[in-house]
Amino acid sequence: MPKGSAVAEVEAKLKKQYPGNPGAVYGTLNKIGLMHGNKATAKGLKPARRMNKKSAPPKHTAMH
């Protein structure tokens, strides 16, 4: 899979979670729609979304 794609990121996480069980890895990828059989779907080829580890809390203003 292309590096940085959604499939590659989820596949790596699943392989860590289920070592030695490729059926669980690829079955999950097929079920969530990132792959169809052994081919990545358009959804799976999109760049992986990055989540901010820490985001600034919302600024509160005092109302007078």
N, C-alpha and C. Protein backbone atom coordinates (compact mmCIF):
# COMPACT_ATOMS: atom_id res chain seq x y z
N MET A 1 0.84 -1.17 0.00
CA MET A 1 0.00 0.00 0.00
C MET A 1 0.88 1.24 0.00
N PRO A 2 0.40 2.30 -0.60
CA PRO A 2 1.18 3.53 -0.62
C PRO A 2 1.42 4.06 0.80
N LYS A 3 2.63 4.47 1.03
CA LYS A 3 2.99 4.98 2.35
C LYS A 3 2.20 6.27 2.63
N GLY A 4 1.63 6.36 3.82
CA GLY A 4 0.85 7.53 4.19
C GLY A 4 -0.63 7.41 3.88
N SER A 5 -1.02 6.33 3.20
CA SER A 5 -2.44 6.16 2.90
C SER A 5 -3.16 5.61 4.13
N ALA A 6 -4.47 5.73 4.12
CA ALA A 6 -5.27 5.25 5.24
C ALA A 6 -5.09 3.75 5.41
N VAL A 7 -5.03 3.00 4.32
CA VAL A 7 -4.86 1.56 4.40
C VAL A 7 -3.55 1.20 5.08
N ALA A 8 -2.47 1.85 4.68
CA ALA A 8 -1.16 1.53 5.25
C ALA A 8 -1.12 1.77 6.75
N GLU A 9 -1.71 2.88 7.19
CA GLU A 9 -1.70 3.22 8.61
C GLU A 9 -2.53 2.22 9.43
N VAL A 10 -3.73 1.94 8.98
CA VAL A 10 -4.61 1.02 9.71
C VAL A 10 -4.05 -0.40 9.65
N GLU A 11 -3.50 -0.79 8.52
CA GLU A 11 -2.92 -2.12 8.36
C GLU A 11 -1.77 -2.32 9.36
N ALA A 12 -0.92 -1.32 9.51
CA ALA A 12 0.20 -1.43 10.46
C ALA A 12 -0.31 -1.58 11.89
N LYS A 13 -1.33 -0.82 12.25
CA LYS A 13 -1.90 -0.91 13.60
C LYS A 13 -2.53 -2.28 13.84
N LEU A 14 -3.25 -2.77 12.84
CA LEU A 14 -3.90 -4.07 13.00
C LEU A 14 -2.89 -5.21 13.08
N LYS A 15 -1.79 -5.10 12.32
CA LYS A 15 -0.76 -6.14 12.37
C LYS A 15 -0.10 -6.20 13.74
N LYS A 16 0.04 -5.04 14.40
CA LYS A 16 0.57 -5.04 15.76
C LYS A 16 -0.42 -5.67 16.73
N GLN A 17 -1.70 -5.38 16.51
CA GLN A 17 -2.74 -5.88 17.41
C GLN A 17 -2.99 -7.37 17.21
N TYR A 18 -2.92 -7.86 15.98
CA TYR A 18 -3.18 -9.27 15.67
C TYR A 18 -1.99 -9.89 14.96
N PRO A 19 -0.85 -10.05 15.63
CA PRO A 19 0.30 -10.66 14.95
C PRO A 19 0.01 -12.12 14.60
N GLY A 20 0.38 -12.51 13.41
CA GLY A 20 0.19 -13.89 12.98
C GLY A 20 -1.23 -14.24 12.58
N ASN A 21 -2.11 -13.24 12.44
CA ASN A 21 -3.49 -13.51 12.05
C ASN A 21 -3.89 -12.58 10.90
N PRO A 22 -3.44 -12.89 9.69
CA PRO A 22 -3.74 -12.01 8.56
C PRO A 22 -5.23 -11.96 8.23
N GLY A 23 -5.98 -12.99 8.58
CA GLY A 23 -7.42 -12.98 8.33
C GLY A 23 -8.12 -11.88 9.11
N ALA A 24 -7.69 -11.67 10.33
CA ALA A 24 -8.27 -10.60 11.15
C ALA A 24 -7.91 -9.24 10.58
N VAL A 25 -6.67 -9.09 10.14
CA VAL A 25 -6.20 -7.80 9.60
C VAL A 25 -6.95 -7.45 8.33
N TYR A 26 -6.91 -8.32 7.34
CA TYR A 26 -7.51 -8.00 6.05
C TYR A 26 -9.03 -8.12 6.06
N GLY A 27 -9.57 -8.96 6.92
CA GLY A 27 -11.02 -9.02 7.09
C GLY A 27 -11.54 -7.70 7.62
N THR A 28 -10.83 -7.12 8.57
CA THR A 28 -11.23 -5.83 9.14
C THR A 28 -11.11 -4.72 8.10
N LEU A 29 -10.02 -4.72 7.34
CA LEU A 29 -9.85 -3.70 6.30
C LEU A 29 -10.95 -3.79 5.25
N ASN A 30 -11.36 -5.00 4.89
CA ASN A 30 -12.45 -5.18 3.93
C ASN A 30 -13.77 -4.69 4.53
N LYS A 31 -14.01 -5.03 5.79
CA LYS A 31 -15.28 -4.70 6.42
C LYS A 31 -15.47 -3.20 6.57
N ILE A 32 -14.39 -2.46 6.90
CA ILE A 32 -14.53 -1.01 7.07
C ILE A 32 -14.42 -0.26 5.75
N GLY A 33 -14.19 -0.98 4.66
CA GLY A 33 -14.24 -0.36 3.34
C GLY A 33 -12.95 0.22 2.83
N LEU A 34 -11.84 -0.08 3.47
CA LEU A 34 -10.56 0.44 2.97
C LEU A 34 -9.99 -0.46 1.89
N MET A 35 -10.43 -1.70 1.84
CA MET A 35 -9.99 -2.63 0.80
C MET A 35 -11.19 -3.40 0.29
N HIS A 36 -11.07 -3.90 -0.93
CA HIS A 36 -12.06 -4.80 -1.51
C HIS A 36 -11.26 -5.98 -2.04
N GLY A 37 -11.32 -7.10 -1.31
CA GLY A 37 -10.46 -8.23 -1.64
C GLY A 37 -9.03 -7.86 -1.31
N ASN A 38 -8.15 -7.95 -2.30
CA ASN A 38 -6.75 -7.58 -2.05
C ASN A 38 -6.39 -6.23 -2.65
N LYS A 39 -7.39 -5.47 -3.10
CA LYS A 39 -7.13 -4.17 -3.70
C LYS A 39 -7.65 -3.05 -2.80
N ALA A 40 -6.88 -1.98 -2.70
CA ALA A 40 -7.29 -0.82 -1.91
C ALA A 40 -8.40 -0.08 -2.65
N THR A 41 -9.38 0.39 -1.92
CA THR A 41 -10.46 1.18 -2.51
C THR A 41 -10.02 2.65 -2.56
N ALA A 42 -10.83 3.49 -3.19
CA ALA A 42 -10.53 4.91 -3.25
C ALA A 42 -10.48 5.50 -1.84
N LYS A 43 -11.37 5.03 -0.98
CA LYS A 43 -11.38 5.48 0.41
C LYS A 43 -10.06 5.11 1.10
N GLY A 44 -9.55 3.93 0.82
CA GLY A 44 -8.32 3.47 1.44
C GLY A 44 -7.07 4.15 0.92
N LEU A 45 -7.13 4.65 -0.31
CA LEU A 45 -5.95 5.30 -0.90
C LEU A 45 -5.83 6.77 -0.52
N LYS A 46 -6.86 7.32 0.11
CA LYS A 46 -6.77 8.71 0.55
C LYS A 46 -5.70 8.83 1.62
N PRO A 47 -5.11 10.01 1.74
CA PRO A 47 -4.11 10.19 2.80
C PRO A 47 -4.74 9.99 4.17
N ALA A 48 -3.96 9.42 5.07
CA ALA A 48 -4.45 9.17 6.42
C ALA A 48 -4.69 10.50 7.13
N ARG A 49 -5.76 10.55 7.91
CA ARG A 49 -6.05 11.75 8.67
C ARG A 49 -5.13 11.79 9.88
N ARG A 50 -4.62 12.94 10.16
CA ARG A 50 -3.74 13.12 11.31
C ARG A 50 -4.53 13.77 12.43
N MET A 51 -4.44 13.19 13.59
CA MET A 51 -5.11 13.75 14.75
C MET A 51 -4.08 14.53 15.56
N ASN A 52 -4.47 15.69 16.03
CA ASN A 52 -3.58 16.46 16.89
C ASN A 52 -3.50 15.78 18.24
N LYS A 53 -2.29 15.54 18.71
CA LYS A 53 -2.11 14.90 20.01
C LYS A 53 -2.64 15.80 21.12
N LYS A 54 -2.24 17.06 21.07
CA LYS A 54 -2.71 18.01 22.06
C LYS A 54 -3.26 19.22 21.32
N SER A 55 -4.45 19.57 21.66
CA SER A 55 -5.00 20.78 21.07
C SER A 55 -5.22 21.78 22.19
N ALA A 56 -5.10 23.01 21.87
CA ALA A 56 -5.25 24.06 22.87
C ALA A 56 -6.70 24.09 23.34
N PRO A 57 -6.90 24.25 24.63
CA PRO A 57 -8.28 24.34 25.12
C PRO A 57 -8.92 25.62 24.61
N PRO A 58 -10.23 25.64 24.49
CA PRO A 58 -10.88 26.84 23.98
C PRO A 58 -10.67 28.01 24.95
N LYS A 59 -10.51 29.18 24.36
CA LYS A 59 -10.30 30.36 25.19
C LYS A 59 -11.66 30.87 25.67
N HIS A 60 -11.75 31.08 26.95
CA HIS A 60 -12.98 31.58 27.54
C HIS A 60 -12.78 33.05 27.87
N THR A 61 -13.77 33.81 27.55
CA THR A 61 -13.70 35.23 27.89
C THR A 61 -14.74 35.52 28.96
N ALA A 62 -14.38 36.34 29.88
CA ALA A 62 -15.31 36.71 30.95
C ALA A 62 -16.32 37.70 30.37
N MET A 63 -17.56 37.48 30.67
CA MET A 63 -18.60 38.39 30.21
C MET A 63 -18.96 39.31 31.38
N HIS A 64 -18.94 40.62 31.13
CA HIS A 64 -19.26 41.59 32.18
C HIS A 64 -20.62 42.15 32.01
